[in-house]
Amino acid sequence: MQPYIDTECASIHYDADNHALVTLWKMPPLPSEFREHMLDLLSAMEHFKTGKVVADTAKMGTLHPVDQEWASTEWASMAVQSGYSHAAILLSKDIFSQMAIEDTMNSAADNVTFSYFENIETALAWIKSV
C-alpha cells in the first residue's frame, strides 16, 4: 500500500490492487484532527481518482455530535462530489462509537454503498468486488 498521510491520530494509504483508500484511526481524534483527516480523505479521493474507501474505525472513539453532524452533512456532500461511492467500515466494539458511525453512514445511504466488517481481509475483499 502506498502511504498518503500518516499522523499520530490516523493514516490514509492507497491500495492499488483494489483501487481503494484505506484509512486507519489510531486513536480518538480531537475535533480539529477529525475534520483535518476527513478533508485529507477528500484530497486522497481526488488524487487517486477513487471513491472506494476502507475505514478502520475500531480505535476512533465516539464522535462529538457537532463533528458527527458535520460529517453527515457538509463532508458527505463534498465527498460525493469528489466521487465517494463505496465504504467498507470496520467498527469499534464500543456500542456508542458504532451508533455514531452508523448514524453518519445512514445519512449518506442515498449516495454511498456501504457495508460493515469485522476484519480488514473481508473488508478489502468486498471493496474489490464492487
N, C-alpha and C. Protein backbone atom coordinates (compact mmCIF):
# COMPACT_ATOMS: atom_id res chain seq x y z
N MET A 1 0.84 -1.19 0.00
CA MET A 1 0.00 0.00 0.00
C MET A 1 0.88 1.24 0.00
N GLN A 2 0.42 2.23 -0.73
CA GLN A 2 1.17 3.48 -0.87
C GLN A 2 0.70 4.48 0.18
N PRO A 3 1.59 4.96 1.05
CA PRO A 3 1.20 5.95 2.06
C PRO A 3 0.79 7.28 1.41
N TYR A 4 -0.23 7.89 1.97
CA TYR A 4 -0.66 9.22 1.51
C TYR A 4 -0.52 10.22 2.67
N ILE A 5 -1.08 9.89 3.82
CA ILE A 5 -1.00 10.72 5.02
C ILE A 5 -0.78 9.78 6.20
N ASP A 6 0.10 10.16 7.10
CA ASP A 6 0.29 9.37 8.31
C ASP A 6 0.58 10.32 9.46
N THR A 7 -0.38 10.45 10.36
CA THR A 7 -0.23 11.32 11.53
C THR A 7 -0.30 10.46 12.79
N GLU A 8 -0.13 11.10 13.91
CA GLU A 8 -0.24 10.40 15.19
C GLU A 8 -1.64 9.81 15.37
N CYS A 9 -2.63 10.48 14.80
CA CYS A 9 -4.03 10.13 15.01
C CYS A 9 -4.58 9.14 13.98
N ALA A 10 -4.16 9.27 12.73
CA ALA A 10 -4.77 8.47 11.66
C ALA A 10 -3.86 8.41 10.44
N SER A 11 -4.16 7.47 9.57
CA SER A 11 -3.39 7.35 8.33
C SER A 11 -4.32 7.07 7.15
N ILE A 12 -3.82 7.39 5.97
CA ILE A 12 -4.51 7.08 4.71
C ILE A 12 -3.48 6.46 3.78
N HIS A 13 -3.82 5.31 3.24
CA HIS A 13 -2.98 4.62 2.27
C HIS A 13 -3.80 4.33 1.02
N TYR A 14 -3.13 4.25 -0.11
CA TYR A 14 -3.79 3.85 -1.35
C TYR A 14 -3.45 2.41 -1.63
N ASP A 15 -4.47 1.59 -1.83
CA ASP A 15 -4.32 0.18 -2.16
C ASP A 15 -4.56 0.03 -3.66
N ALA A 16 -3.49 -0.03 -4.42
CA ALA A 16 -3.59 -0.09 -5.88
C ALA A 16 -4.28 -1.37 -6.36
N ASP A 17 -4.07 -2.47 -5.66
CA ASP A 17 -4.69 -3.74 -6.06
C ASP A 17 -6.21 -3.65 -6.06
N ASN A 18 -6.76 -2.89 -5.14
CA ASN A 18 -8.21 -2.75 -5.01
C ASN A 18 -8.73 -1.38 -5.46
N HIS A 19 -7.82 -0.53 -5.95
CA HIS A 19 -8.15 0.85 -6.33
C HIS A 19 -9.02 1.50 -5.26
N ALA A 20 -8.51 1.44 -4.01
CA ALA A 20 -9.26 1.95 -2.87
C ALA A 20 -8.32 2.63 -1.89
N LEU A 21 -8.90 3.50 -1.08
CA LEU A 21 -8.17 4.13 0.01
C LEU A 21 -8.44 3.34 1.29
N VAL A 22 -7.42 3.22 2.11
CA VAL A 22 -7.56 2.56 3.41
C VAL A 22 -7.20 3.58 4.47
N THR A 23 -8.16 3.90 5.30
CA THR A 23 -7.92 4.87 6.36
C THR A 23 -8.01 4.16 7.71
N LEU A 24 -7.06 4.45 8.57
CA LEU A 24 -6.96 3.81 9.87
C LEU A 24 -6.92 4.88 10.95
N TRP A 25 -7.88 4.82 11.87
CA TRP A 25 -7.85 5.69 13.04
C TRP A 25 -7.02 5.00 14.10
N LYS A 26 -5.97 5.66 14.57
CA LYS A 26 -5.06 5.07 15.56
C LYS A 26 -5.48 5.38 16.99
N MET A 27 -6.27 6.43 17.14
CA MET A 27 -6.69 6.89 18.47
C MET A 27 -7.88 7.84 18.29
N PRO A 28 -8.64 8.10 19.34
CA PRO A 28 -9.74 9.06 19.21
C PRO A 28 -9.19 10.45 18.86
N PRO A 29 -9.75 11.06 17.82
CA PRO A 29 -9.25 12.38 17.40
C PRO A 29 -9.90 13.52 18.17
N LEU A 30 -9.15 14.63 18.27
CA LEU A 30 -9.76 15.89 18.69
C LEU A 30 -10.63 16.35 17.54
N PRO A 31 -11.61 17.23 17.78
CA PRO A 31 -12.45 17.70 16.68
C PRO A 31 -11.66 18.26 15.50
N SER A 32 -10.61 19.02 15.77
CA SER A 32 -9.81 19.58 14.67
C SER A 32 -9.08 18.49 13.91
N GLU A 33 -8.61 17.46 14.61
CA GLU A 33 -7.93 16.34 13.95
C GLU A 33 -8.90 15.54 13.09
N PHE A 34 -10.10 15.34 13.61
CA PHE A 34 -11.12 14.60 12.86
C PHE A 34 -11.41 15.30 11.53
N ARG A 35 -11.69 16.59 11.60
CA ARG A 35 -12.03 17.33 10.38
C ARG A 35 -10.85 17.39 9.41
N GLU A 36 -9.65 17.60 9.93
CA GLU A 36 -8.48 17.64 9.06
C GLU A 36 -8.29 16.31 8.34
N HIS A 37 -8.45 15.21 9.07
CA HIS A 37 -8.28 13.90 8.44
C HIS A 37 -9.37 13.65 7.39
N MET A 38 -10.58 14.02 7.70
CA MET A 38 -11.67 13.81 6.74
C MET A 38 -11.46 14.65 5.47
N LEU A 39 -10.92 15.85 5.63
CA LEU A 39 -10.60 16.67 4.45
C LEU A 39 -9.42 16.07 3.68
N ASP A 40 -8.45 15.50 4.40
CA ASP A 40 -7.35 14.79 3.73
C ASP A 40 -7.88 13.60 2.93
N LEU A 41 -8.90 12.94 3.45
CA LEU A 41 -9.51 11.82 2.74
C LEU A 41 -10.13 12.29 1.43
N LEU A 42 -10.76 13.45 1.45
CA LEU A 42 -11.30 14.03 0.20
C LEU A 42 -10.17 14.26 -0.81
N SER A 43 -9.09 14.84 -0.34
CA SER A 43 -7.94 15.10 -1.22
C SER A 43 -7.40 13.80 -1.79
N ALA A 44 -7.34 12.76 -0.98
CA ALA A 44 -6.84 11.47 -1.44
C ALA A 44 -7.78 10.88 -2.50
N MET A 45 -9.09 11.01 -2.30
CA MET A 45 -10.06 10.52 -3.31
C MET A 45 -9.80 11.19 -4.66
N GLU A 46 -9.60 12.48 -4.62
CA GLU A 46 -9.37 13.22 -5.86
C GLU A 46 -8.00 12.87 -6.45
N HIS A 47 -6.99 12.76 -5.61
CA HIS A 47 -5.64 12.46 -6.08
C HIS A 47 -5.56 11.10 -6.76
N PHE A 48 -6.16 10.08 -6.13
CA PHE A 48 -6.08 8.72 -6.65
C PHE A 48 -7.27 8.36 -7.54
N LYS A 49 -8.20 9.30 -7.70
CA LYS A 49 -9.37 9.10 -8.55
C LYS A 49 -10.13 7.82 -8.19
N THR A 50 -10.45 7.72 -6.90
CA THR A 50 -11.25 6.60 -6.42
C THR A 50 -12.25 7.08 -5.38
N GLY A 51 -13.40 6.46 -5.38
CA GLY A 51 -14.43 6.75 -4.39
C GLY A 51 -14.63 5.59 -3.44
N LYS A 52 -13.72 4.61 -3.51
CA LYS A 52 -13.80 3.43 -2.67
C LYS A 52 -12.90 3.59 -1.45
N VAL A 53 -13.51 3.40 -0.26
CA VAL A 53 -12.78 3.63 0.99
C VAL A 53 -13.01 2.46 1.95
N VAL A 54 -11.91 1.99 2.53
CA VAL A 54 -11.97 1.04 3.65
C VAL A 54 -11.58 1.85 4.87
N ALA A 55 -12.48 1.92 5.84
CA ALA A 55 -12.24 2.74 7.04
C ALA A 55 -12.22 1.87 8.29
N ASP A 56 -11.07 1.83 8.94
CA ASP A 56 -10.95 1.11 10.20
C ASP A 56 -11.18 2.11 11.33
N THR A 57 -12.38 2.05 11.91
CA THR A 57 -12.78 3.00 12.95
C THR A 57 -12.71 2.37 14.35
N ALA A 58 -12.07 1.21 14.47
CA ALA A 58 -12.06 0.49 15.74
C ALA A 58 -11.50 1.32 16.90
N LYS A 59 -10.52 2.19 16.63
CA LYS A 59 -9.90 2.99 17.70
C LYS A 59 -10.30 4.46 17.64
N MET A 60 -11.33 4.76 16.87
CA MET A 60 -11.72 6.15 16.66
C MET A 60 -12.39 6.78 17.87
N GLY A 61 -13.07 5.99 18.66
CA GLY A 61 -13.81 6.56 19.78
C GLY A 61 -15.13 7.14 19.30
N THR A 62 -15.83 7.78 20.21
CA THR A 62 -17.13 8.35 19.89
C THR A 62 -16.97 9.77 19.37
N LEU A 63 -17.63 10.05 18.26
CA LEU A 63 -17.57 11.40 17.69
C LEU A 63 -18.40 12.38 18.51
N HIS A 64 -17.92 13.59 18.61
CA HIS A 64 -18.71 14.66 19.20
C HIS A 64 -19.90 14.90 18.28
N PRO A 65 -21.10 15.14 18.83
CA PRO A 65 -22.28 15.34 17.98
C PRO A 65 -22.11 16.42 16.90
N VAL A 66 -21.36 17.47 17.19
CA VAL A 66 -21.15 18.53 16.19
C VAL A 66 -20.32 17.98 15.02
N ASP A 67 -19.31 17.17 15.32
CA ASP A 67 -18.50 16.57 14.26
C ASP A 67 -19.29 15.53 13.48
N GLN A 68 -20.11 14.79 14.17
CA GLN A 68 -20.96 13.81 13.50
C GLN A 68 -21.91 14.51 12.52
N GLU A 69 -22.49 15.61 12.95
CA GLU A 69 -23.39 16.38 12.08
C GLU A 69 -22.63 16.93 10.88
N TRP A 70 -21.43 17.47 11.11
CA TRP A 70 -20.60 17.99 10.03
C TRP A 70 -20.26 16.89 9.02
N ALA A 71 -19.89 15.71 9.53
CA ALA A 71 -19.53 14.60 8.65
C ALA A 71 -20.71 14.15 7.81
N SER A 72 -21.89 14.12 8.39
CA SER A 72 -23.04 13.63 7.65
C SER A 72 -23.70 14.67 6.76
N THR A 73 -23.32 15.92 6.88
CA THR A 73 -23.91 16.94 6.01
C THR A 73 -22.85 17.55 5.09
N GLU A 74 -22.04 18.44 5.64
CA GLU A 74 -21.05 19.15 4.81
C GLU A 74 -20.04 18.20 4.18
N TRP A 75 -19.40 17.36 5.01
CA TRP A 75 -18.38 16.47 4.46
C TRP A 75 -18.98 15.48 3.47
N ALA A 76 -20.12 14.90 3.81
CA ALA A 76 -20.74 13.91 2.92
C ALA A 76 -21.04 14.51 1.56
N SER A 77 -21.51 15.74 1.53
CA SER A 77 -21.79 16.41 0.27
C SER A 77 -20.52 16.62 -0.55
N MET A 78 -19.46 17.08 0.11
CA MET A 78 -18.18 17.28 -0.58
C MET A 78 -17.62 15.93 -1.06
N ALA A 79 -17.80 14.89 -0.25
CA ALA A 79 -17.26 13.58 -0.59
C ALA A 79 -17.94 13.01 -1.83
N VAL A 80 -19.25 13.14 -1.90
CA VAL A 80 -19.98 12.64 -3.07
C VAL A 80 -19.52 13.41 -4.32
N GLN A 81 -19.31 14.71 -4.19
CA GLN A 81 -18.80 15.49 -5.32
C GLN A 81 -17.41 15.05 -5.72
N SER A 82 -16.64 14.51 -4.76
CA SER A 82 -15.29 14.02 -5.04
C SER A 82 -15.29 12.59 -5.57
N GLY A 83 -16.48 11.98 -5.67
CA GLY A 83 -16.58 10.64 -6.22
C GLY A 83 -16.80 9.54 -5.20
N TYR A 84 -16.97 9.89 -3.93
CA TYR A 84 -17.19 8.88 -2.88
C TYR A 84 -18.36 7.99 -3.26
N SER A 85 -18.11 6.68 -3.36
CA SER A 85 -19.16 5.78 -3.83
C SER A 85 -19.35 4.53 -2.98
N HIS A 86 -18.27 4.03 -2.38
CA HIS A 86 -18.34 2.78 -1.62
C HIS A 86 -17.49 2.88 -0.35
N ALA A 87 -18.02 2.29 0.74
CA ALA A 87 -17.29 2.30 2.00
C ALA A 87 -17.41 0.94 2.68
N ALA A 88 -16.26 0.38 3.02
CA ALA A 88 -16.19 -0.83 3.84
C ALA A 88 -15.70 -0.38 5.20
N ILE A 89 -16.50 -0.59 6.23
CA ILE A 89 -16.22 0.00 7.53
C ILE A 89 -16.00 -1.07 8.58
N LEU A 90 -14.86 -0.96 9.26
CA LEU A 90 -14.59 -1.82 10.41
C LEU A 90 -14.98 -1.03 11.65
N LEU A 91 -15.95 -1.55 12.39
CA LEU A 91 -16.49 -0.83 13.53
C LEU A 91 -15.75 -1.13 14.83
N SER A 92 -15.85 -0.20 15.74
CA SER A 92 -15.34 -0.36 17.09
C SER A 92 -16.23 -1.37 17.83
N LYS A 93 -15.70 -1.95 18.87
CA LYS A 93 -16.51 -2.84 19.73
C LYS A 93 -17.41 -2.00 20.65
N ASP A 94 -17.08 -0.71 20.79
CA ASP A 94 -17.85 0.19 21.64
C ASP A 94 -19.19 0.53 20.97
N ILE A 95 -20.28 0.24 21.65
CA ILE A 95 -21.62 0.43 21.07
C ILE A 95 -21.91 1.89 20.74
N PHE A 96 -21.41 2.82 21.54
CA PHE A 96 -21.66 4.24 21.27
C PHE A 96 -20.92 4.69 20.01
N SER A 97 -19.70 4.20 19.83
CA SER A 97 -18.95 4.50 18.61
C SER A 97 -19.65 3.90 17.41
N GLN A 98 -20.13 2.67 17.55
CA GLN A 98 -20.85 2.02 16.46
C GLN A 98 -22.07 2.84 16.05
N MET A 99 -22.83 3.28 17.04
CA MET A 99 -24.04 4.05 16.74
C MET A 99 -23.71 5.36 16.03
N ALA A 100 -22.65 6.03 16.44
CA ALA A 100 -22.27 7.29 15.80
C ALA A 100 -21.88 7.07 14.34
N ILE A 101 -21.09 6.03 14.07
CA ILE A 101 -20.68 5.74 12.69
C ILE A 101 -21.90 5.32 11.87
N GLU A 102 -22.74 4.47 12.42
CA GLU A 102 -23.92 4.02 11.69
C GLU A 102 -24.86 5.18 11.37
N ASP A 103 -25.05 6.09 12.31
CA ASP A 103 -25.90 7.26 12.05
C ASP A 103 -25.31 8.12 10.93
N THR A 104 -24.01 8.32 10.96
CA THR A 104 -23.35 9.11 9.93
C THR A 104 -23.49 8.44 8.57
N MET A 105 -23.26 7.14 8.50
CA MET A 105 -23.35 6.42 7.22
C MET A 105 -24.78 6.37 6.73
N ASN A 106 -25.75 6.19 7.61
CA ASN A 106 -27.14 6.14 7.18
C ASN A 106 -27.57 7.44 6.50
N SER A 107 -26.99 8.55 6.90
CA SER A 107 -27.34 9.83 6.27
C SER A 107 -26.78 9.92 4.85
N ALA A 108 -25.77 9.11 4.54
CA ALA A 108 -25.16 9.11 3.20
C ALA A 108 -25.66 7.95 2.34
N ALA A 109 -26.59 7.17 2.87
CA ALA A 109 -27.02 5.93 2.22
C ALA A 109 -27.57 6.13 0.81
N ASP A 110 -28.11 7.29 0.50
CA ASP A 110 -28.65 7.52 -0.84
C ASP A 110 -27.55 7.61 -1.89
N ASN A 111 -26.34 7.97 -1.49
CA ASN A 111 -25.27 8.20 -2.45
C ASN A 111 -24.08 7.25 -2.34
N VAL A 112 -23.98 6.54 -1.23
CA VAL A 112 -22.81 5.69 -0.98
C VAL A 112 -23.27 4.28 -0.62
N THR A 113 -22.71 3.29 -1.29
CA THR A 113 -22.96 1.90 -0.94
C THR A 113 -21.96 1.52 0.14
N PHE A 114 -22.44 0.99 1.25
CA PHE A 114 -21.53 0.66 2.34
C PHE A 114 -21.92 -0.63 3.02
N SER A 115 -20.94 -1.20 3.72
CA SER A 115 -21.16 -2.41 4.50
C SER A 115 -20.19 -2.41 5.66
N TYR A 116 -20.54 -3.15 6.72
CA TYR A 116 -19.72 -3.23 7.91
C TYR A 116 -19.01 -4.58 7.99
N PHE A 117 -17.80 -4.58 8.52
CA PHE A 117 -16.98 -5.78 8.58
C PHE A 117 -16.27 -5.90 9.91
N GLU A 118 -15.86 -7.13 10.23
CA GLU A 118 -15.15 -7.38 11.48
C GLU A 118 -13.64 -7.45 11.29
N ASN A 119 -13.17 -7.60 10.04
CA ASN A 119 -11.73 -7.66 9.82
C ASN A 119 -11.38 -7.05 8.46
N ILE A 120 -10.14 -6.66 8.33
CA ILE A 120 -9.67 -5.95 7.14
C ILE A 120 -9.72 -6.83 5.90
N GLU A 121 -9.48 -8.13 6.06
CA GLU A 121 -9.45 -9.03 4.89
C GLU A 121 -10.82 -9.09 4.20
N THR A 122 -11.88 -9.24 4.98
CA THR A 122 -13.21 -9.29 4.36
C THR A 122 -13.62 -7.92 3.82
N ALA A 123 -13.19 -6.86 4.49
CA ALA A 123 -13.49 -5.51 4.00
C ALA A 123 -12.82 -5.27 2.65
N LEU A 124 -11.55 -5.66 2.53
CA LEU A 124 -10.82 -5.49 1.26
C LEU A 124 -11.41 -6.36 0.16
N ALA A 125 -11.81 -7.59 0.51
CA ALA A 125 -12.41 -8.48 -0.50
C ALA A 125 -13.72 -7.87 -1.02
N TRP A 126 -14.51 -7.29 -0.13
CA TRP A 126 -15.78 -6.68 -0.55
C TRP A 126 -15.51 -5.45 -1.43
N ILE A 127 -14.60 -4.59 -0.99
CA ILE A 127 -14.33 -3.35 -1.75
C ILE A 127 -13.78 -3.70 -3.14
N LYS A 128 -13.05 -4.78 -3.25
CA LYS A 128 -12.53 -5.21 -4.54
C LYS A 128 -13.65 -5.68 -5.46
N SER A 129 -14.69 -6.24 -4.86
CA SER A 129 -15.79 -6.82 -5.65
C SER A 129 -16.78 -5.78 -6.17
N VAL A 130 -16.73 -4.57 -5.63
CA VAL A 130 -17.72 -3.55 -6.04
C VAL A 130 -17.16 -2.61 -7.10
